[in-house]
Amino acid sequence: MGFHRTHEIVPINPTERFPANVTAIVIVFALHQHYQAFTVFGRCMPERVTGLSPATIVSEDAMHIALEDESGYLKLSPPNEGWTPGRYKVEIHTGEQVNEMSLMGTMRFTIVASGTESD
């Protein structure tokens, strides 16, 4: 390891489509320069999923970002009932708590029935 070596998280085979039997969905992101530590929160909600209200939080995670971090990730575990096929939205928040002012962006992904072309 060299003097200027950093810990960087890099996605392998990134995709936006996952089979319903996936064990976790990992969202990897790069960070801009920052001057203090903070927390990144991810809240996953159904966007177009049959039988689920769009207001339901089905999975969430948080990661503490240190001053030296250049990247990070959020790991979304499946709900207790498993992933239901459909389109999901992940709200990305930063700060000390989640509110309308802490929203930094959104990401979306699709869950497809297991056994389809995305397995």
N, C-alpha and C. Protein backbone atom coordinates (compact mmCIF):
# COMPACT_ATOMS: atom_id res chain seq x y z
N MET A 1 0.83 -1.18 0.00
CA MET A 1 0.00 0.00 0.00
C MET A 1 0.87 1.25 0.00
N GLY A 2 0.61 2.11 -0.93
CA GLY A 2 1.37 3.35 -1.01
C GLY A 2 0.83 4.42 -0.08
N PHE A 3 1.57 5.50 0.00
CA PHE A 3 1.20 6.61 0.88
C PHE A 3 -0.15 7.22 0.50
N HIS A 4 -0.43 7.34 -0.79
CA HIS A 4 -1.66 7.99 -1.25
C HIS A 4 -2.78 7.00 -1.55
N ARG A 5 -2.65 5.79 -1.11
CA ARG A 5 -3.67 4.77 -1.37
C ARG A 5 -4.92 5.07 -0.55
N THR A 6 -6.09 4.93 -1.17
CA THR A 6 -7.35 5.16 -0.47
C THR A 6 -8.22 3.92 -0.56
N HIS A 7 -9.21 3.87 0.29
CA HIS A 7 -10.18 2.78 0.26
C HIS A 7 -11.33 3.23 -0.63
N GLU A 8 -11.46 2.60 -1.78
CA GLU A 8 -12.52 2.98 -2.72
C GLU A 8 -13.42 1.78 -2.96
N ILE A 9 -14.72 1.99 -2.89
CA ILE A 9 -15.70 0.94 -3.14
C ILE A 9 -16.12 1.05 -4.59
N VAL A 10 -15.97 -0.04 -5.34
CA VAL A 10 -16.26 -0.04 -6.77
C VAL A 10 -17.30 -1.12 -7.06
N PRO A 11 -18.37 -0.77 -7.79
CA PRO A 11 -19.38 -1.79 -8.12
C PRO A 11 -18.85 -2.78 -9.15
N ILE A 12 -19.28 -4.04 -9.03
CA ILE A 12 -18.92 -5.08 -9.99
C ILE A 12 -20.21 -5.49 -10.69
N ASN A 13 -20.21 -5.47 -12.01
CA ASN A 13 -21.38 -5.79 -12.81
C ASN A 13 -22.62 -5.01 -12.37
N PRO A 14 -22.56 -3.68 -12.41
CA PRO A 14 -23.72 -2.89 -11.97
C PRO A 14 -24.95 -3.15 -12.84
N THR A 15 -26.11 -3.09 -12.22
CA THR A 15 -27.37 -3.31 -12.93
C THR A 15 -28.49 -2.60 -12.19
N GLU A 16 -29.61 -2.47 -12.85
CA GLU A 16 -30.81 -1.90 -12.23
C GLU A 16 -31.92 -2.93 -12.14
N ARG A 17 -31.64 -4.18 -12.55
CA ARG A 17 -32.64 -5.26 -12.53
C ARG A 17 -32.11 -6.42 -11.71
N PHE A 18 -32.94 -6.89 -10.78
CA PHE A 18 -32.54 -7.96 -9.87
C PHE A 18 -33.63 -9.01 -9.80
N PRO A 19 -33.26 -10.29 -9.64
CA PRO A 19 -34.28 -11.33 -9.45
C PRO A 19 -34.90 -11.22 -8.06
N ALA A 20 -36.11 -11.69 -7.92
CA ALA A 20 -36.84 -11.60 -6.64
C ALA A 20 -36.13 -12.34 -5.51
N ASN A 21 -35.29 -13.31 -5.84
CA ASN A 21 -34.59 -14.07 -4.80
C ASN A 21 -33.21 -13.50 -4.44
N VAL A 22 -32.91 -12.29 -4.87
CA VAL A 22 -31.62 -11.67 -4.55
C VAL A 22 -31.52 -11.48 -3.03
N THR A 23 -30.33 -11.75 -2.48
CA THR A 23 -30.15 -11.68 -1.02
C THR A 23 -30.00 -10.25 -0.51
N ALA A 24 -29.52 -9.34 -1.34
CA ALA A 24 -29.40 -7.93 -0.96
C ALA A 24 -29.14 -7.10 -2.21
N ILE A 25 -29.52 -5.85 -2.14
CA ILE A 25 -29.24 -4.89 -3.21
C ILE A 25 -28.27 -3.88 -2.62
N VAL A 26 -27.13 -3.71 -3.28
CA VAL A 26 -26.10 -2.80 -2.79
C VAL A 26 -26.02 -1.60 -3.73
N ILE A 27 -26.18 -0.42 -3.16
CA ILE A 27 -26.07 0.82 -3.91
C ILE A 27 -24.71 1.43 -3.58
N VAL A 28 -23.86 1.58 -4.59
CA VAL A 28 -22.52 2.11 -4.42
C VAL A 28 -22.51 3.54 -4.96
N PHE A 29 -21.86 4.45 -4.25
CA PHE A 29 -21.83 5.84 -4.70
C PHE A 29 -20.47 6.47 -4.41
N ALA A 30 -20.11 7.44 -5.27
CA ALA A 30 -18.91 8.24 -5.07
C ALA A 30 -19.30 9.50 -4.30
N LEU A 31 -18.34 10.07 -3.60
CA LEU A 31 -18.59 11.26 -2.79
C LEU A 31 -17.78 12.44 -3.30
N HIS A 32 -18.33 13.63 -3.16
CA HIS A 32 -17.57 14.85 -3.40
C HIS A 32 -16.72 15.12 -2.16
N GLN A 33 -15.76 16.02 -2.29
CA GLN A 33 -14.94 16.39 -1.15
C GLN A 33 -15.84 16.93 -0.04
N HIS A 34 -15.58 16.49 1.18
CA HIS A 34 -16.36 16.96 2.32
C HIS A 34 -15.42 17.26 3.48
N TYR A 35 -15.85 18.15 4.35
CA TYR A 35 -14.98 18.65 5.41
C TYR A 35 -15.39 18.20 6.81
N GLN A 36 -16.37 17.32 6.86
CA GLN A 36 -16.75 16.74 8.15
C GLN A 36 -17.45 15.41 7.89
N ALA A 37 -17.48 14.58 8.90
CA ALA A 37 -18.17 13.28 8.79
C ALA A 37 -19.68 13.52 8.77
N PHE A 38 -20.39 12.59 8.16
CA PHE A 38 -21.85 12.68 8.11
C PHE A 38 -22.42 11.29 7.89
N THR A 39 -23.73 11.17 7.90
CA THR A 39 -24.39 9.88 7.70
C THR A 39 -25.21 9.94 6.42
N VAL A 40 -25.18 8.85 5.66
CA VAL A 40 -26.02 8.69 4.48
C VAL A 40 -27.08 7.66 4.82
N PHE A 41 -28.33 7.99 4.54
CA PHE A 41 -29.46 7.10 4.80
C PHE A 41 -30.09 6.70 3.47
N GLY A 42 -30.51 5.46 3.36
CA GLY A 42 -31.26 5.00 2.20
C GLY A 42 -32.58 4.41 2.64
N ARG A 43 -33.68 4.88 2.04
CA ARG A 43 -35.01 4.36 2.36
C ARG A 43 -35.63 3.86 1.06
N CYS A 44 -35.97 2.59 1.03
CA CYS A 44 -36.51 1.95 -0.17
C CYS A 44 -38.02 1.81 -0.05
N MET A 45 -38.72 2.30 -1.10
CA MET A 45 -40.18 2.24 -1.13
C MET A 45 -40.64 1.73 -2.49
N PRO A 46 -41.75 1.01 -2.54
CA PRO A 46 -42.28 0.57 -3.83
C PRO A 46 -42.76 1.77 -4.63
N GLU A 47 -42.44 1.78 -5.90
CA GLU A 47 -42.92 2.86 -6.77
C GLU A 47 -44.07 2.35 -7.63
N ARG A 48 -43.86 1.19 -8.23
CA ARG A 48 -44.92 0.52 -9.01
C ARG A 48 -44.85 -0.97 -8.70
N VAL A 49 -45.41 -1.34 -7.55
CA VAL A 49 -45.40 -2.73 -7.10
C VAL A 49 -46.83 -3.10 -6.72
N THR A 50 -47.38 -4.11 -7.37
CA THR A 50 -48.75 -4.54 -7.10
C THR A 50 -48.91 -4.96 -5.65
N GLY A 51 -49.92 -4.40 -4.99
CA GLY A 51 -50.24 -4.78 -3.62
C GLY A 51 -49.48 -4.04 -2.54
N LEU A 52 -48.57 -3.14 -2.90
CA LEU A 52 -47.81 -2.38 -1.90
C LEU A 52 -48.04 -0.89 -2.08
N SER A 53 -48.29 -0.20 -0.97
CA SER A 53 -48.46 1.25 -0.99
C SER A 53 -47.12 1.93 -1.24
N PRO A 54 -47.09 2.96 -2.10
CA PRO A 54 -45.84 3.69 -2.34
C PRO A 54 -45.26 4.37 -1.09
N ALA A 55 -46.05 4.52 -0.05
CA ALA A 55 -45.57 5.15 1.18
C ALA A 55 -44.90 4.16 2.14
N THR A 56 -44.93 2.87 1.81
CA THR A 56 -44.38 1.83 2.69
C THR A 56 -42.86 1.76 2.54
N ILE A 57 -42.14 1.86 3.64
CA ILE A 57 -40.69 1.65 3.61
C ILE A 57 -40.45 0.16 3.75
N VAL A 58 -39.90 -0.46 2.70
CA VAL A 58 -39.71 -1.92 2.72
C VAL A 58 -38.30 -2.33 3.14
N SER A 59 -37.33 -1.39 3.04
CA SER A 59 -35.97 -1.68 3.45
C SER A 59 -35.25 -0.36 3.67
N GLU A 60 -34.28 -0.35 4.58
CA GLU A 60 -33.50 0.86 4.79
C GLU A 60 -32.13 0.51 5.35
N ASP A 61 -31.19 1.43 5.17
CA ASP A 61 -29.84 1.24 5.67
C ASP A 61 -29.24 2.62 5.90
N ALA A 62 -28.15 2.67 6.65
CA ALA A 62 -27.43 3.91 6.89
C ALA A 62 -25.94 3.60 6.94
N MET A 63 -25.12 4.58 6.54
CA MET A 63 -23.67 4.42 6.58
C MET A 63 -23.06 5.71 7.09
N HIS A 64 -22.16 5.57 8.06
CA HIS A 64 -21.41 6.73 8.55
C HIS A 64 -20.27 6.99 7.57
N ILE A 65 -20.16 8.22 7.10
CA ILE A 65 -19.11 8.60 6.16
C ILE A 65 -18.05 9.38 6.93
N ALA A 66 -16.83 8.88 6.90
CA ALA A 66 -15.72 9.54 7.59
C ALA A 66 -15.10 10.60 6.67
N LEU A 67 -14.29 11.45 7.23
CA LEU A 67 -13.68 12.54 6.48
C LEU A 67 -12.86 12.04 5.30
N GLU A 68 -12.19 10.92 5.45
CA GLU A 68 -11.31 10.41 4.39
C GLU A 68 -12.03 9.56 3.34
N ASP A 69 -13.30 9.25 3.53
CA ASP A 69 -14.03 8.40 2.59
C ASP A 69 -14.26 9.10 1.26
N GLU A 70 -14.04 8.36 0.17
CA GLU A 70 -14.28 8.87 -1.18
C GLU A 70 -15.45 8.18 -1.85
N SER A 71 -15.95 7.13 -1.21
CA SER A 71 -17.10 6.39 -1.73
C SER A 71 -17.80 5.71 -0.56
N GLY A 72 -18.96 5.17 -0.85
CA GLY A 72 -19.72 4.48 0.19
C GLY A 72 -20.75 3.56 -0.42
N TYR A 73 -21.52 2.90 0.42
CA TYR A 73 -22.56 2.00 -0.08
C TYR A 73 -23.68 1.87 0.93
N LEU A 74 -24.83 1.49 0.43
CA LEU A 74 -25.99 1.15 1.24
C LEU A 74 -26.41 -0.26 0.85
N LYS A 75 -26.69 -1.10 1.83
CA LYS A 75 -27.10 -2.48 1.57
C LYS A 75 -28.56 -2.64 1.97
N LEU A 76 -29.40 -2.91 0.98
CA LEU A 76 -30.84 -3.06 1.22
C LEU A 76 -31.18 -4.55 1.26
N SER A 77 -31.56 -5.01 2.43
CA SER A 77 -31.98 -6.41 2.59
C SER A 77 -33.42 -6.56 2.14
N PRO A 78 -33.80 -7.75 1.69
CA PRO A 78 -35.20 -7.94 1.28
C PRO A 78 -36.15 -7.83 2.46
N PRO A 79 -37.38 -7.41 2.21
CA PRO A 79 -38.39 -7.40 3.28
C PRO A 79 -38.59 -8.82 3.82
N ASN A 80 -39.22 -8.95 4.97
CA ASN A 80 -39.46 -10.27 5.57
C ASN A 80 -40.16 -11.21 4.61
N GLU A 81 -41.07 -10.69 3.80
CA GLU A 81 -41.83 -11.52 2.84
C GLU A 81 -41.05 -11.74 1.55
N GLY A 82 -39.87 -11.15 1.42
CA GLY A 82 -39.10 -11.23 0.18
C GLY A 82 -39.48 -10.08 -0.75
N TRP A 83 -38.71 -9.93 -1.81
CA TRP A 83 -38.98 -8.87 -2.79
C TRP A 83 -40.17 -9.25 -3.66
N THR A 84 -41.09 -8.33 -3.84
CA THR A 84 -42.21 -8.50 -4.76
C THR A 84 -41.79 -7.87 -6.08
N PRO A 85 -41.97 -8.55 -7.22
CA PRO A 85 -41.59 -7.95 -8.50
C PRO A 85 -42.26 -6.59 -8.72
N GLY A 86 -41.50 -5.67 -9.29
CA GLY A 86 -41.98 -4.33 -9.58
C GLY A 86 -40.85 -3.32 -9.52
N ARG A 87 -41.21 -2.05 -9.59
CA ARG A 87 -40.25 -0.94 -9.60
C ARG A 87 -40.18 -0.32 -8.20
N TYR A 88 -38.94 -0.09 -7.72
CA TYR A 88 -38.71 0.47 -6.39
C TYR A 88 -37.91 1.77 -6.50
N LYS A 89 -38.12 2.64 -5.53
CA LYS A 89 -37.40 3.91 -5.45
C LYS A 89 -36.64 3.95 -4.13
N VAL A 90 -35.39 4.40 -4.18
CA VAL A 90 -34.59 4.56 -2.97
C VAL A 90 -34.29 6.04 -2.80
N GLU A 91 -34.74 6.61 -1.70
CA GLU A 91 -34.42 7.99 -1.37
C GLU A 91 -33.08 8.00 -0.63
N ILE A 92 -32.17 8.86 -1.07
CA ILE A 92 -30.86 9.00 -0.44
C ILE A 92 -30.86 10.31 0.34
N HIS A 93 -30.66 10.21 1.65
CA HIS A 93 -30.65 11.37 2.53
C HIS A 93 -29.28 11.49 3.19
N THR A 94 -28.87 12.72 3.52
CA THR A 94 -27.63 12.94 4.28
C THR A 94 -27.91 13.84 5.46
N GLY A 95 -27.08 13.72 6.47
CA GLY A 95 -27.21 14.57 7.65
C GLY A 95 -27.38 13.76 8.91
N GLU A 96 -28.10 14.31 9.85
CA GLU A 96 -28.32 13.66 11.14
C GLU A 96 -29.66 12.94 11.22
N GLN A 97 -30.61 13.33 10.37
CA GLN A 97 -31.94 12.72 10.39
C GLN A 97 -32.55 12.81 9.00
N VAL A 98 -33.59 12.04 8.78
CA VAL A 98 -34.28 12.02 7.49
C VAL A 98 -35.46 12.98 7.53
N ASN A 99 -35.47 13.94 6.61
CA ASN A 99 -36.60 14.85 6.44
C ASN A 99 -36.58 15.39 5.02
N GLU A 100 -37.52 16.24 4.66
CA GLU A 100 -37.59 16.73 3.28
C GLU A 100 -36.37 17.56 2.89
N MET A 101 -35.67 18.16 3.85
CA MET A 101 -34.48 18.97 3.55
C MET A 101 -33.22 18.12 3.39
N SER A 102 -33.23 16.90 3.89
CA SER A 102 -32.03 16.06 3.83
C SER A 102 -31.97 15.21 2.56
N LEU A 103 -33.01 15.24 1.74
CA LEU A 103 -33.04 14.42 0.52
C LEU A 103 -32.02 14.92 -0.49
N MET A 104 -31.07 14.06 -0.86
CA MET A 104 -30.02 14.43 -1.81
C MET A 104 -30.25 13.85 -3.20
N GLY A 105 -31.07 12.83 -3.30
CA GLY A 105 -31.31 12.22 -4.60
C GLY A 105 -32.11 10.94 -4.46
N THR A 106 -32.43 10.37 -5.61
CA THR A 106 -33.16 9.10 -5.63
C THR A 106 -32.51 8.16 -6.63
N MET A 107 -32.66 6.88 -6.39
CA MET A 107 -32.22 5.84 -7.32
C MET A 107 -33.38 4.88 -7.46
N ARG A 108 -33.45 4.20 -8.59
CA ARG A 108 -34.53 3.25 -8.83
C ARG A 108 -33.96 1.93 -9.32
N PHE A 109 -34.70 0.86 -9.00
CA PHE A 109 -34.34 -0.46 -9.50
C PHE A 109 -35.60 -1.27 -9.68
N THR A 110 -35.48 -2.35 -10.44
CA THR A 110 -36.61 -3.22 -10.75
C THR A 110 -36.31 -4.62 -10.25
N ILE A 111 -37.31 -5.21 -9.60
CA ILE A 111 -37.25 -6.62 -9.19
C ILE A 111 -38.08 -7.41 -10.19
N VAL A 112 -37.49 -8.45 -10.75
CA VAL A 112 -38.21 -9.32 -11.69
C VAL A 112 -38.42 -10.69 -11.05
N ALA A 113 -39.43 -11.38 -11.49
CA ALA A 113 -39.73 -12.71 -10.95
C ALA A 113 -38.52 -13.62 -11.14
N SER A 114 -38.19 -14.42 -10.14
CA SER A 114 -37.08 -15.36 -10.24
C SER A 114 -37.34 -16.33 -11.38
N GLY A 115 -36.27 -16.68 -12.08
CA GLY A 115 -36.42 -17.59 -13.21
C GLY A 115 -36.57 -16.89 -14.54
N THR A 116 -36.55 -15.54 -14.55
CA THR A 116 -36.64 -14.80 -15.81
C THR A 116 -35.24 -14.51 -16.31
N GLU A 117 -35.14 -13.76 -17.39
CA GLU A 117 -33.86 -13.51 -18.03
C GLU A 117 -32.87 -12.75 -17.17
N SER A 118 -33.29 -12.12 -16.08
CA SER A 118 -32.38 -11.33 -15.24
C SER A 118 -31.72 -12.15 -14.15
N ASP A 119 -32.06 -13.44 -14.01
CA ASP A 119 -31.42 -14.30 -13.00
C ASP A 119 -29.98 -14.54 -13.35
